């Protein structure tokens, strides 16, 4: 499958508290990528806690693709609005968009 739901990001005003909560409540592990982002482990789906200034306001589903430019073109053609242009991040490259019903999602391609 070329495009699949692969990741979920939780925005947080206190990354440490959110990551610690998930660890205590559910036993999920974490991999810290600095002072504003933790990846989650053992949660059943890959995910992360985003404490950055520019984080989205709600939990965000992330779609993995094998062709980022083609996925972006399909999103726009289907009525999606790009909310953050393509950018590099430690795991690859991604963009954010809002679908017609208002949900913000991201699409990424892995560096692997």
PDB file of N, CA and C in Angstrom:
ATOM      1  N   UNK A   1       0.853  -1.176   0.000  1.00  0.00           N
ATOM      2  CA  UNK A   1       0.000   0.000   0.000  1.00  0.00           C
ATOM      3  C   UNK A   1       0.897   1.236   0.000  1.00  0.00           C
ATOM      4  N   UNK A   2       0.637   2.150  -0.899  1.00  0.00           N
ATOM      5  CA  UNK A   2       1.462   3.346  -1.042  1.00  0.00           C
ATOM      6  C   UNK A   2       1.245   4.360   0.080  1.00  0.00           C
ATOM      7  N   UNK A   3       0.032   4.522   0.551  1.00  0.00           N
ATOM      8  CA  UNK A   3      -0.271   5.510   1.589  1.00  0.00           C
ATOM      9  C   UNK A   3      -0.975   4.797   2.732  1.00  0.00           C
ATOM     10  N   UNK A   4      -0.392   4.888   3.937  1.00  0.00           N
ATOM     11  CA  UNK A   4      -1.005   4.209   5.076  1.00  0.00           C
ATOM     12  C   UNK A   4      -0.895   5.050   6.336  1.00  0.00           C
ATOM     13  N   UNK A   5      -1.928   4.972   7.164  1.00  0.00           N
ATOM     14  CA  UNK A   5      -1.900   5.624   8.460  1.00  0.00           C
ATOM     15  C   UNK A   5      -0.807   4.945   9.268  1.00  0.00           C
ATOM     16  N   UNK A   6       0.147   5.730   9.761  1.00  0.00           N
ATOM     17  CA  UNK A   6       1.366   5.138  10.289  1.00  0.00           C
ATOM     18  C   UNK A   6       1.787   5.686  11.648  1.00  0.00           C
ATOM     19  N   UNK A   7       1.274   6.845  12.051  1.00  0.00           N
ATOM     20  CA  UNK A   7       1.847   7.550  13.201  1.00  0.00           C
ATOM     21  C   UNK A   7       0.797   8.488  13.767  1.00  0.00           C
ATOM     22  N   UNK A   8       0.871   8.768  15.044  1.00  0.00           N
ATOM     23  CA  UNK A   8      -0.022   9.747  15.652  1.00  0.00           C
ATOM     24  C   UNK A   8       0.817  10.658  16.553  1.00  0.00           C
ATOM     25  N   UNK A   9       0.588  11.970  16.440  1.00  0.00           N
ATOM     26  CA  UNK A   9       1.311  12.932  17.266  1.00  0.00           C
ATOM     27  C   UNK A   9       0.363  13.608  18.242  1.00  0.00           C
ATOM     28  N   UNK A  10       0.818  13.702  19.472  1.00  0.00           N
ATOM     29  CA  UNK A  10       0.056  14.369  20.522  1.00  0.00           C
ATOM     30  C   UNK A  10       0.717  15.703  20.836  1.00  0.00           C
ATOM     31  N   UNK A  11       0.018  16.827  20.628  1.00  0.00           N
ATOM     32  CA  UNK A  11       0.585  18.115  21.009  1.00  0.00           C
ATOM     33  C   UNK A  11       0.574  18.229  22.531  1.00  0.00           C
ATOM     34  N   UNK A  12       1.530  18.958  23.073  1.00  0.00           N
ATOM     35  CA  UNK A  12       1.594  19.088  24.534  1.00  0.00           C
ATOM     36  C   UNK A  12       2.217  20.420  24.926  1.00  0.00           C
ATOM     37  N   UNK A  13       1.643  21.051  25.920  1.00  0.00           N
ATOM     38  CA  UNK A  13       2.248  22.257  26.486  1.00  0.00           C
ATOM     39  C   UNK A  13       3.337  21.877  27.488  1.00  0.00           C
ATOM     40  N   UNK A  14       3.417  20.579  27.849  1.00  0.00           N
ATOM     41  CA  UNK A  14       4.437  20.077  28.766  1.00  0.00           C
ATOM     42  C   UNK A  14       4.835  18.675  28.314  1.00  0.00           C
ATOM     43  N   UNK A  15       5.774  18.613  27.370  1.00  0.00           N
ATOM     44  CA  UNK A  15       6.190  17.343  26.783  1.00  0.00           C
ATOM     45  C   UNK A  15       6.598  16.322  27.838  1.00  0.00           C
ATOM     46  N   UNK A  16       7.365  16.738  28.807  1.00  0.00           N
ATOM     47  CA  UNK A  16       7.824  15.826  29.863  1.00  0.00           C
ATOM     48  C   UNK A  16       6.645  15.233  30.628  1.00  0.00           C
ATOM     49  N   UNK A  17       5.686  16.057  31.009  1.00  0.00           N
ATOM     50  CA  UNK A  17       4.525  15.565  31.766  1.00  0.00           C
ATOM     51  C   UNK A  17       3.683  14.611  30.920  1.00  0.00           C
ATOM     52  N   UNK A  18       3.485  14.947  29.642  1.00  0.00           N
ATOM     53  CA  UNK A  18       2.682  14.076  28.777  1.00  0.00           C
ATOM     54  C   UNK A  18       3.369  12.740  28.566  1.00  0.00           C
ATOM     55  N   UNK A  19       4.661  12.753  28.254  1.00  0.00           N
ATOM     56  CA  UNK A  19       5.391  11.505  28.048  1.00  0.00           C
ATOM     57  C   UNK A  19       5.428  10.669  29.322  1.00  0.00           C
ATOM     58  N   UNK A  20       5.623  11.320  30.451  1.00  0.00           N
ATOM     59  CA  UNK A  20       5.626  10.599  31.736  1.00  0.00           C
ATOM     60  C   UNK A  20       4.258  10.004  32.042  1.00  0.00           C
ATOM     61  N   UNK A  21       3.192  10.733  31.720  1.00  0.00           N
ATOM     62  CA  UNK A  21       1.838  10.219  31.908  1.00  0.00           C
ATOM     63  C   UNK A  21       1.628   8.943  31.099  1.00  0.00           C
ATOM     64  N   UNK A  22       1.955   8.981  29.801  1.00  0.00           N
ATOM     65  CA  UNK A  22       1.766   7.800  28.955  1.00  0.00           C
ATOM     66  C   UNK A  22       2.591   6.616  29.469  1.00  0.00           C
ATOM     67  N   UNK A  23       3.779   6.895  29.969  1.00  0.00           N
ATOM     68  CA  UNK A  23       4.630   5.840  30.512  1.00  0.00           C
ATOM     69  C   UNK A  23       4.000   5.227  31.764  1.00  0.00           C
ATOM     70  N   UNK A  24       3.533   6.079  32.684  1.00  0.00           N
ATOM     71  CA  UNK A  24       2.946   5.590  33.938  1.00  0.00           C
ATOM     72  C   UNK A  24       1.587   4.925  33.723  1.00  0.00           C
ATOM     73  N   UNK A  25       0.762   5.500  32.883  1.00  0.00           N
ATOM     74  CA  UNK A  25      -0.592   4.989  32.700  1.00  0.00           C
ATOM     75  C   UNK A  25      -0.644   3.739  31.825  1.00  0.00           C
ATOM     76  N   UNK A  26       0.189   3.687  30.782  1.00  0.00           N
ATOM     77  CA  UNK A  26       0.074   2.616  29.794  1.00  0.00           C
ATOM     78  C   UNK A  26       1.341   1.806  29.577  1.00  0.00           C
ATOM     79  N   UNK A  27       2.446   2.214  30.198  1.00  0.00           N
ATOM     80  CA  UNK A  27       3.700   1.488  30.032  1.00  0.00           C
ATOM     81  C   UNK A  27       4.417   1.769  28.726  1.00  0.00           C
ATOM     82  N   UNK A  28       4.010   2.846  28.028  1.00  0.00           N
ATOM     83  CA  UNK A  28       4.667   3.184  26.772  1.00  0.00           C
ATOM     84  C   UNK A  28       6.041   3.771  27.054  1.00  0.00           C
ATOM     85  N   UNK A  29       7.002   3.397  26.246  1.00  0.00           N
ATOM     86  CA  UNK A  29       8.342   3.944  26.370  1.00  0.00           C
ATOM     87  C   UNK A  29       8.473   5.232  25.584  1.00  0.00           C
ATOM     88  N   UNK A  30       9.652   5.823  25.675  1.00  0.00           N
ATOM     89  CA  UNK A  30       9.900   7.054  24.913  1.00  0.00           C
ATOM     90  C   UNK A  30      11.336   7.105  24.438  1.00  0.00           C
ATOM     91  N   UNK A  31      11.509   7.767  23.325  1.00  0.00           N
ATOM     92  CA  UNK A  31      12.822   8.043  22.769  1.00  0.00           C
ATOM     93  C   UNK A  31      12.871   9.557  22.599  1.00  0.00           C
ATOM     94  N   UNK A  32      13.735  10.204  23.349  1.00  0.00           N
ATOM     95  CA  UNK A  32      13.792  11.663  23.324  1.00  0.00           C
ATOM     96  C   UNK A  32      14.614  12.149  22.136  1.00  0.00           C
ATOM     97  N   UNK A  33      14.059  13.122  21.422  1.00  0.00           N
ATOM     98  CA  UNK A  33      14.762  13.775  20.323  1.00  0.00           C
ATOM     99  C   UNK A  33      15.019  15.233  20.683  1.00  0.00           C
ATOM    100  N   UNK A  34      15.368  15.478  21.912  1.00  0.00           N
ATOM    101  CA  UNK A  34      15.671  16.823  22.350  1.00  0.00           C
ATOM    102  C   UNK A  34      14.598  17.370  23.273  1.00  0.00           C
ATOM    103  N   UNK A  35      14.635  18.663  23.539  1.00  0.00           N
ATOM    104  CA  UNK A  35      13.767  19.250  24.553  1.00  0.00           C
ATOM    105  C   UNK A  35      12.308  19.426  24.151  1.00  0.00           C
ATOM    106  N   UNK A  36      11.952  19.230  22.873  1.00  0.00           N
ATOM    107  CA  UNK A  36      10.568  19.476  22.466  1.00  0.00           C
ATOM    108  C   UNK A  36       9.863  18.277  21.850  1.00  0.00           C
ATOM    109  N   UNK A  37      10.569  17.132  21.667  1.00  0.00           N
ATOM    110  CA  UNK A  37       9.905  16.006  20.990  1.00  0.00           C
ATOM    111  C   UNK A  37      10.356  14.669  21.559  1.00  0.00           C
ATOM    112  N   UNK A  38       9.384  13.823  21.869  1.00  0.00           N
ATOM    113  CA  UNK A  38       9.640  12.442  22.262  1.00  0.00           C
ATOM    114  C   UNK A  38       8.871  11.523  21.326  1.00  0.00           C
ATOM    115  N   UNK A  39       9.520  10.478  20.840  1.00  0.00           N
ATOM    116  CA  UNK A  39       8.814   9.422  20.126  1.00  0.00           C
ATOM    117  C   UNK A  39       8.295   8.440  21.171  1.00  0.00           C
ATOM    118  N   UNK A  40       7.165   7.825  20.881  1.00  0.00           N
ATOM    119  CA  UNK A  40       6.595   6.815  21.764  1.00  0.00           C
ATOM    120  C   UNK A  40       6.989   5.430  21.270  1.00  0.00           C
ATOM    121  N   UNK A  41       7.170   4.498  22.192  1.00  0.00           N
ATOM    122  CA  UNK A  41       7.446   3.115  21.803  1.00  0.00           C
ATOM    123  C   UNK A  41       6.484   2.193  22.548  1.00  0.00           C
ATOM    124  N   UNK A  42       6.247   1.030  21.959  1.00  0.00           N
ATOM    125  CA  UNK A  42       5.372   0.007  22.555  1.00  0.00           C
ATOM    126  C   UNK A  42       3.941   0.491  22.761  1.00  0.00           C
ATOM    127  N   UNK A  43       3.458   1.397  21.895  1.00  0.00           N
ATOM    128  CA  UNK A  43       2.104   1.945  22.032  1.00  0.00           C
ATOM    129  C   UNK A  43       1.104   1.291  21.073  1.00  0.00           C
ATOM    130  N   UNK A  44       1.543   0.338  20.263  1.00  0.00           N
ATOM    131  CA  UNK A  44       0.647  -0.306  19.315  1.00  0.00           C
ATOM    132  C   UNK A  44       0.667   0.342  17.946  1.00  0.00           C
ATOM    133  N   UNK A  45       0.979   1.618  17.893  1.00  0.00           N
ATOM    134  CA  UNK A  45       1.214   2.369  16.661  1.00  0.00           C
ATOM    135  C   UNK A  45       2.318   3.358  17.002  1.00  0.00           C
ATOM    136  N   UNK A  46       3.156   3.664  16.043  1.00  0.00           N
ATOM    137  CA  UNK A  46       4.201   4.640  16.310  1.00  0.00           C
ATOM    138  C   UNK A  46       3.563   5.994  16.599  1.00  0.00           C
ATOM    139  N   UNK A  47       4.199   6.773  17.444  1.00  0.00           N
ATOM    140  CA  UNK A  47       3.666   8.075  17.795  1.00  0.00           C
ATOM    141  C   UNK A  47       4.699   8.939  18.468  1.00  0.00           C
ATOM    142  N   UNK A  48       4.284  10.158  18.777  1.00  0.00           N
ATOM    143  CA  UNK A  48       5.184  11.083  19.429  1.00  0.00           C
ATOM    144  C   UNK A  48       4.440  12.147  20.200  1.00  0.00           C
ATOM    145  N   UNK A  49       5.193  12.848  21.036  1.00  0.00           N
ATOM    146  CA  UNK A  49       4.684  13.964  21.830  1.00  0.00           C
ATOM    147  C   UNK A  49       5.444  15.200  21.382  1.00  0.00           C
ATOM    148  N   UNK A  50       4.708  16.184  20.869  1.00  0.00           N
ATOM    149  CA  UNK A  50       5.297  17.390  20.295  1.00  0.00           C
ATOM    150  C   UNK A  50       5.077  18.574  21.217  1.00  0.00           C
ATOM    151  N   UNK A  51       6.154  19.085  21.782  1.00  0.00           N
ATOM    152  CA  UNK A  51       6.075  20.240  22.655  1.00  0.00           C
ATOM    153  C   UNK A  51       6.624  21.499  22.020  1.00  0.00           C
ATOM    154  N   UNK A  52       6.789  21.506  20.700  1.00  0.00           N
ATOM    155  CA  UNK A  52       7.394  22.656  20.025  1.00  0.00           C
ATOM    156  C   UNK A  52       6.429  23.838  19.962  1.00  0.00           C
ATOM    157  N   UNK A  53       6.977  25.014  19.754  1.00  0.00           N
ATOM    158  CA  UNK A  53       6.170  26.231  19.633  1.00  0.00           C
ATOM    159  C   UNK A  53       5.183  26.136  18.475  1.00  0.00           C
ATOM    160  N   UNK A  54       5.582  25.532  17.355  1.00  0.00           N
ATOM    161  CA  UNK A  54       4.743  25.489  16.168  1.00  0.00           C
ATOM    162  C   UNK A  54       3.858  24.259  16.062  1.00  0.00           C
ATOM    163  N   UNK A  55       3.665  23.545  17.146  1.00  0.00           N
ATOM    164  CA  UNK A  55       2.877  22.303  17.104  1.00  0.00           C
ATOM    165  C   UNK A  55       1.429  22.579  16.705  1.00  0.00           C
ATOM    166  N   UNK A  56       0.788  21.540  16.164  1.00  0.00           N
ATOM    167  CA  UNK A  56      -0.631  21.674  15.840  1.00  0.00           C
ATOM    168  C   UNK A  56      -1.431  21.662  17.138  1.00  0.00           C
ATOM    169  N   UNK A  57      -2.678  22.096  17.075  1.00  0.00           N
ATOM    170  CA  UNK A  57      -3.483  22.258  18.286  1.00  0.00           C
ATOM    171  C   UNK A  57      -4.172  20.978  18.745  1.00  0.00           C
ATOM    172  N   UNK A  58      -4.279  19.979  17.873  1.00  0.00           N
ATOM    173  CA  UNK A  58      -5.011  18.758  18.204  1.00  0.00           C
ATOM    174  C   UNK A  58      -4.172  17.548  17.831  1.00  0.00           C
ATOM    175  N   UNK A  59      -4.546  16.391  18.359  1.00  0.00           N
ATOM    176  CA  UNK A  59      -3.872  15.161  17.994  1.00  0.00           C
ATOM    177  C   UNK A  59      -3.920  15.011  16.478  1.00  0.00           C
ATOM    178  N   UNK A  60      -2.795  14.603  15.892  1.00  0.00           N
ATOM    179  CA  UNK A  60      -2.687  14.573  14.438  1.00  0.00           C
ATOM    180  C   UNK A  60      -2.264  13.192  13.954  1.00  0.00           C
ATOM    181  N   UNK A  61      -3.051  12.643  13.038  1.00  0.00           N
ATOM    182  CA  UNK A  61      -2.688  11.403  12.372  1.00  0.00           C
ATOM    183  C   UNK A  61      -1.666  11.713  11.287  1.00  0.00           C
ATOM    184  N   UNK A  62      -0.746  10.773  11.065  1.00  0.00           N
ATOM    185  CA  UNK A  62       0.314  10.960  10.082  1.00  0.00           C
ATOM    186  C   UNK A  62       0.291   9.781   9.112  1.00  0.00           C
ATOM    187  N   UNK A  63       0.304  10.092   7.823  1.00  0.00           N
ATOM    188  CA  UNK A  63       0.249   9.097   6.757  1.00  0.00           C
ATOM    189  C   UNK A  63       1.645   8.934   6.167  1.00  0.00           C
ATOM    190  N   UNK A  64       2.077   7.692   5.999  1.00  0.00           N
ATOM    191  CA  UNK A  64       3.345   7.425   5.321  1.00  0.00           C
ATOM    192  C   UNK A  64       3.078   7.185   3.838  1.00  0.00           C
ATOM    193  N   UNK A  65       3.937   7.720   2.986  1.00  0.00           N
ATOM    194  CA  UNK A  65       3.790   7.547   1.541  1.00  0.00           C
ATOM    195  C   UNK A  65       5.127   7.148   0.945  1.00  0.00           C
ATOM    196  N   UNK A  66       5.106   6.704  -0.295  1.00  0.00           N
ATOM    197  CA  UNK A  66       6.358   6.397  -0.992  1.00  0.00           C
ATOM    198  C   UNK A  66       6.691   7.452  -2.041  1.00  0.00           C
ATOM    199  N   UNK A  67       5.826   8.480  -2.191  1.00  0.00           N
ATOM    200  CA  UNK A  67       6.068   9.578  -3.127  1.00  0.00           C
ATOM    201  C   UNK A  67       5.412  10.838  -2.569  1.00  0.00           C
ATOM    202  N   UNK A  68       6.200  11.664  -1.903  1.00  0.00           N
ATOM    203  CA  UNK A  68       5.663  12.829  -1.200  1.00  0.00           C
ATOM    204  C   UNK A  68       5.046  13.850  -2.151  1.00  0.00           C
ATOM    205  N   UNK A  69       5.693  14.111  -3.261  1.00  0.00           N
ATOM    206  CA  UNK A  69       5.162  15.099  -4.210  1.00  0.00           C
ATOM    207  C   UNK A  69       3.826  14.639  -4.796  1.00  0.00           C
ATOM    208  N   UNK A  70       3.732  13.362  -5.140  1.00  0.00           N
ATOM    209  CA  UNK A  70       2.476  12.839  -5.690  1.00  0.00           C
ATOM    210  C   UNK A  70       1.376  12.862  -4.635  1.00  0.00           C
ATOM    211  N   UNK A  71       1.716  12.532  -3.393  1.00  0.00           N
ATOM    212  CA  UNK A  71       0.714  12.572  -2.320  1.00  0.00           C
ATOM    213  C   UNK A  71       0.213  13.993  -2.110  1.00  0.00           C
ATOM    214  N   UNK A  72       1.117  14.961  -2.149  1.00  0.00           N
ATOM    215  CA  UNK A  72       0.714  16.359  -1.989  1.00  0.00           C
ATOM    216  C   UNK A  72      -0.229  16.775  -3.123  1.00  0.00           C
ATOM    217  N   UNK A  73       0.084  16.382  -4.330  1.00  0.00           N
ATOM    218  CA  UNK A  73      -0.779  16.720  -5.472  1.00  0.00           C
ATOM    219  C   UNK A  73      -2.165  16.093  -5.305  1.00  0.00           C
ATOM    220  N   UNK A  74      -2.230  14.850  -4.824  1.00  0.00           N
ATOM    221  CA  UNK A  74      -3.524  14.192  -4.611  1.00  0.00           C
ATOM    222  C   UNK A  74      -4.312  14.878  -3.508  1.00  0.00           C
ATOM    223  N   UNK A  75      -3.641  15.294  -2.433  1.00  0.00           N
ATOM    224  CA  UNK A  75      -4.301  15.997  -1.331  1.00  0.00           C
ATOM    225  C   UNK A  75      -4.936  17.290  -1.852  1.00  0.00           C
ATOM    226  N   UNK A  76      -4.186  18.053  -2.614  1.00  0.00           N
ATOM    227  CA  UNK A  76      -4.700  19.322  -3.148  1.00  0.00           C
ATOM    228  C   UNK A  76      -5.853  19.067  -4.112  1.00  0.00           C
ATOM    229  N   UNK A  77      -5.701  18.083  -5.000  1.00  0.00           N
ATOM    230  CA  UNK A  77      -6.748  17.772  -5.975  1.00  0.00           C
ATOM    231  C   UNK A  77      -8.042  17.322  -5.304  1.00  0.00           C
ATOM    232  N   UNK A  78      -7.912  16.689  -4.125  1.00  0.00           N
ATOM    233  CA  UNK A  78      -9.092  16.201  -3.402  1.00  0.00           C
ATOM    234  C   UNK A  78      -9.731  17.282  -2.530  1.00  0.00           C
ATOM    235  N   UNK A  79      -9.158  18.477  -2.506  1.00  0.00           N
ATOM    236  CA  UNK A  79      -9.738  19.573  -1.735  1.00  0.00           C
ATOM    237  C   UNK A  79      -9.026  19.887  -0.441  1.00  0.00           C
ATOM    238  N   UNK A  80      -7.881  19.241  -0.191  1.00  0.00           N
ATOM    239  CA  UNK A  80      -7.106  19.551   1.006  1.00  0.00           C
ATOM    240  C   UNK A  80      -6.373  20.868   0.856  1.00  0.00           C
ATOM    241  N   UNK A  81      -6.086  21.509   1.984  1.00  0.00           N
ATOM    242  CA  UNK A  81      -5.364  22.782   2.004  1.00  0.00           C
ATOM    243  C   UNK A  81      -4.057  22.567   2.755  1.00  0.00           C
ATOM    244  N   UNK A  82      -2.954  22.882   2.109  1.00  0.00           N
ATOM    245  CA  UNK A  82      -1.637  22.728   2.737  1.00  0.00           C
ATOM    246  C   UNK A  82      -1.518  23.765   3.858  1.00  0.00           C
ATOM    247  N   UNK A  83      -1.199  23.287   5.065  1.00  0.00           N
ATOM    248  CA  UNK A  83      -1.043  24.188   6.212  1.00  0.00           C
ATOM    249  C   UNK A  83       0.418  24.373   6.598  1.00  0.00           C
ATOM    250  N   UNK A  84       1.282  23.476   6.147  1.00  0.00           N
ATOM    251  CA  UNK A  84       2.725  23.608   6.352  1.00  0.00           C
ATOM    252  C   UNK A  84       3.413  22.949   5.167  1.00  0.00           C
ATOM    253  N   UNK A  85       4.173  23.726   4.432  1.00  0.00           N
ATOM    254  CA  UNK A  85       4.860  23.233   3.236  1.00  0.00           C
ATOM    255  C   UNK A  85       5.846  22.128   3.600  1.00  0.00           C
ATOM    256  N   UNK A  86       6.265  21.383   2.597  1.00  0.00           N
ATOM    257  CA  UNK A  86       7.216  20.289   2.823  1.00  0.00           C
ATOM    258  C   UNK A  86       8.448  20.793   3.564  1.00  0.00           C
ATOM    259  N   UNK A  87       8.896  19.991   4.535  1.00  0.00           N
ATOM    260  CA  UNK A  87      10.099  20.324   5.296  1.00  0.00           C
ATOM    261  C   UNK A  87      10.781  19.041   5.747  1.00  0.00           C
ATOM    262  N   UNK A  88      12.069  19.146   6.032  1.00  0.00           N
ATOM    263  CA  UNK A  88      12.837  18.014   6.531  1.00  0.00           C
ATOM    264  C   UNK A  88      12.672  17.894   8.035  1.00  0.00           C
ATOM    265  N   UNK A  89      12.665  16.666   8.530  1.00  0.00           N
ATOM    266  CA  UNK A  89      12.683  16.389   9.965  1.00  0.00           C
ATOM    267  C   UNK A  89      13.606  15.187  10.145  1.00  0.00           C
ATOM    268  N   UNK A  90      13.979  14.815  11.374  1.00  0.00           N
ATOM    269  CA  UNK A  90      14.979  13.760  11.546  1.00  0.00           C
ATOM    270  C   UNK A  90      14.661  12.432  10.849  1.00  0.00           C
ATOM    271  N   UNK A  91      13.376  12.095  10.671  1.00  0.00           N
ATOM    272  CA  UNK A  91      13.038  10.818  10.050  1.00  0.00           C
ATOM    273  C   UNK A  91      12.801  10.877   8.556  1.00  0.00           C
ATOM    274  N   UNK A  92      12.770  12.064   7.963  1.00  0.00           N
ATOM    275  CA  UNK A  92      12.496  12.152   6.533  1.00  0.00           C
ATOM    276  C   UNK A  92      12.045  13.534   6.115  1.00  0.00           C
ATOM    277  N   UNK A  93      10.989  13.579   5.332  1.00  0.00           N
ATOM    278  CA  UNK A  93      10.432  14.840   4.842  1.00  0.00           C
ATOM    279  C   UNK A  93       8.916  14.739   4.918  1.00  0.00           C
ATOM    280  N   UNK A  94       8.232  15.859   5.220  1.00  0.00           N
ATOM    281  CA  UNK A  94       6.775  15.823   5.372  1.00  0.00           C
ATOM    282  C   UNK A  94       6.133  17.156   5.071  1.00  0.00           C
ATOM    283  N   UNK A  95       4.791  17.137   4.979  1.00  0.00           N
ATOM    284  CA  UNK A  95       3.990  18.348   4.896  1.00  0.00           C
ATOM    285  C   UNK A  95       2.731  18.127   5.724  1.00  0.00           C
ATOM    286  N   UNK A  96       2.054  19.223   6.090  1.00  0.00           N
ATOM    287  CA  UNK A  96       0.790  19.160   6.829  1.00  0.00           C
ATOM    288  C   UNK A  96      -0.314  19.692   5.933  1.00  0.00           C
ATOM    289  N   UNK A  97      -1.528  19.199   6.154  1.00  0.00           N
ATOM    290  CA  UNK A  97      -2.684  19.693   5.411  1.00  0.00           C
ATOM    291  C   UNK A  97      -3.941  19.588   6.257  1.00  0.00           C
ATOM    292  N   UNK A  98      -4.957  20.327   5.853  1.00  0.00           N
ATOM    293  CA  UNK A  98      -6.272  20.256   6.490  1.00  0.00           C
ATOM    294  C   UNK A  98      -7.237  19.699   5.458  1.00  0.00           C
ATOM    295  N   UNK A  99      -7.970  18.650   5.827  1.00  0.00           N
ATOM    296  CA  UNK A  99      -8.967  18.078   4.923  1.00  0.00           C
ATOM    297  C   UNK A  99     -10.240  18.906   5.011  1.00  0.00           C
ATOM    298  N   UNK A 100     -11.177  18.764   4.059  1.00  0.00           N
ATOM    299  CA  UNK A 100     -12.349  19.640   4.014  1.00  0.00           C
ATOM    300  C   UNK A 100     -13.187  19.680   5.295  1.00  0.00           C
ATOM    301  N   UNK A 101     -13.157  18.641   6.113  1.00  0.00           N
ATOM    302  CA  UNK A 101     -13.914  18.635   7.360  1.00  0.00           C
ATOM    303  C   UNK A 101     -13.205  19.302   8.515  1.00  0.00           C
ATOM    304  N   UNK A 102     -11.951  19.731   8.307  1.00  0.00           N
ATOM    305  CA  UNK A 102     -11.247  20.497   9.317  1.00  0.00           C
ATOM    306  C   UNK A 102     -10.125  19.791  10.050  1.00  0.00           C
ATOM    307  N   UNK A 103      -9.949  18.475   9.853  1.00  0.00           N
ATOM    308  CA  UNK A 103      -8.877  17.762  10.543  1.00  0.00           C
ATOM    309  C   UNK A 103      -7.532  18.047   9.894  1.00  0.00           C
ATOM    310  N   UNK A 104      -6.525  18.301  10.728  1.00  0.00           N
ATOM    311  CA  UNK A 104      -5.180  18.479  10.214  1.00  0.00           C
ATOM    312  C   UNK A 104      -4.433  17.157  10.299  1.00  0.00           C
ATOM    313  N   UNK A 105      -3.750  16.812   9.221  1.00  0.00           N
ATOM    314  CA  UNK A 105      -2.964  15.592   9.136  1.00  0.00           C
ATOM    315  C   UNK A 105      -1.604  15.934   8.559  1.00  0.00           C
ATOM    316  N   UNK A 106      -0.692  14.978   8.601  1.00  0.00           N
ATOM    317  CA  UNK A 106       0.606  15.131   7.956  1.00  0.00           C
ATOM    318  C   UNK A 106       0.826  13.930   7.052  1.00  0.00           C
ATOM    319  N   UNK A 107       1.652  14.122   6.034  1.00  0.00           N
ATOM    320  CA  UNK A 107       2.091  13.040   5.159  1.00  0.00           C
ATOM    321  C   UNK A 107       3.614  13.095   5.138  1.00  0.00           C
ATOM    322  N   UNK A 108       4.259  11.931   5.257  1.00  0.00           N
ATOM    323  CA  UNK A 108       5.712  11.917   5.252  1.00  0.00           C
ATOM    324  C   UNK A 108       6.277  10.777   4.413  1.00  0.00           C
ATOM    325  N   UNK A 109       7.528  10.970   4.032  1.00  0.00           N
ATOM    326  CA  UNK A 109       8.302   9.923   3.387  1.00  0.00           C
ATOM    327  C   UNK A 109       9.533   9.712   4.248  1.00  0.00           C
ATOM    328  N   UNK A 110       9.844   8.469   4.498  1.00  0.00           N
ATOM    329  CA  UNK A 110      10.963   8.108   5.363  1.00  0.00           C
ATOM    330  C   UNK A 110      12.290   8.244   4.630  1.00  0.00           C
ATOM    331  N   UNK A 111      13.329   8.550   5.375  1.00  0.00           N
ATOM    332  CA  UNK A 111      14.681   8.609   4.819  1.00  0.00           C
ATOM    333  C   UNK A 111      15.239   7.217   4.555  1.00  0.00           C
ATOM    334  N   UNK A 112      14.683   6.211   5.155  1.00  0.00           N
ATOM    335  CA  UNK A 112      15.212   4.839   5.047  1.00  0.00           C
ATOM    336  C   UNK A 112      15.125   4.298   3.662  1.00  0.00           C
TER     337      UNK A 112
END
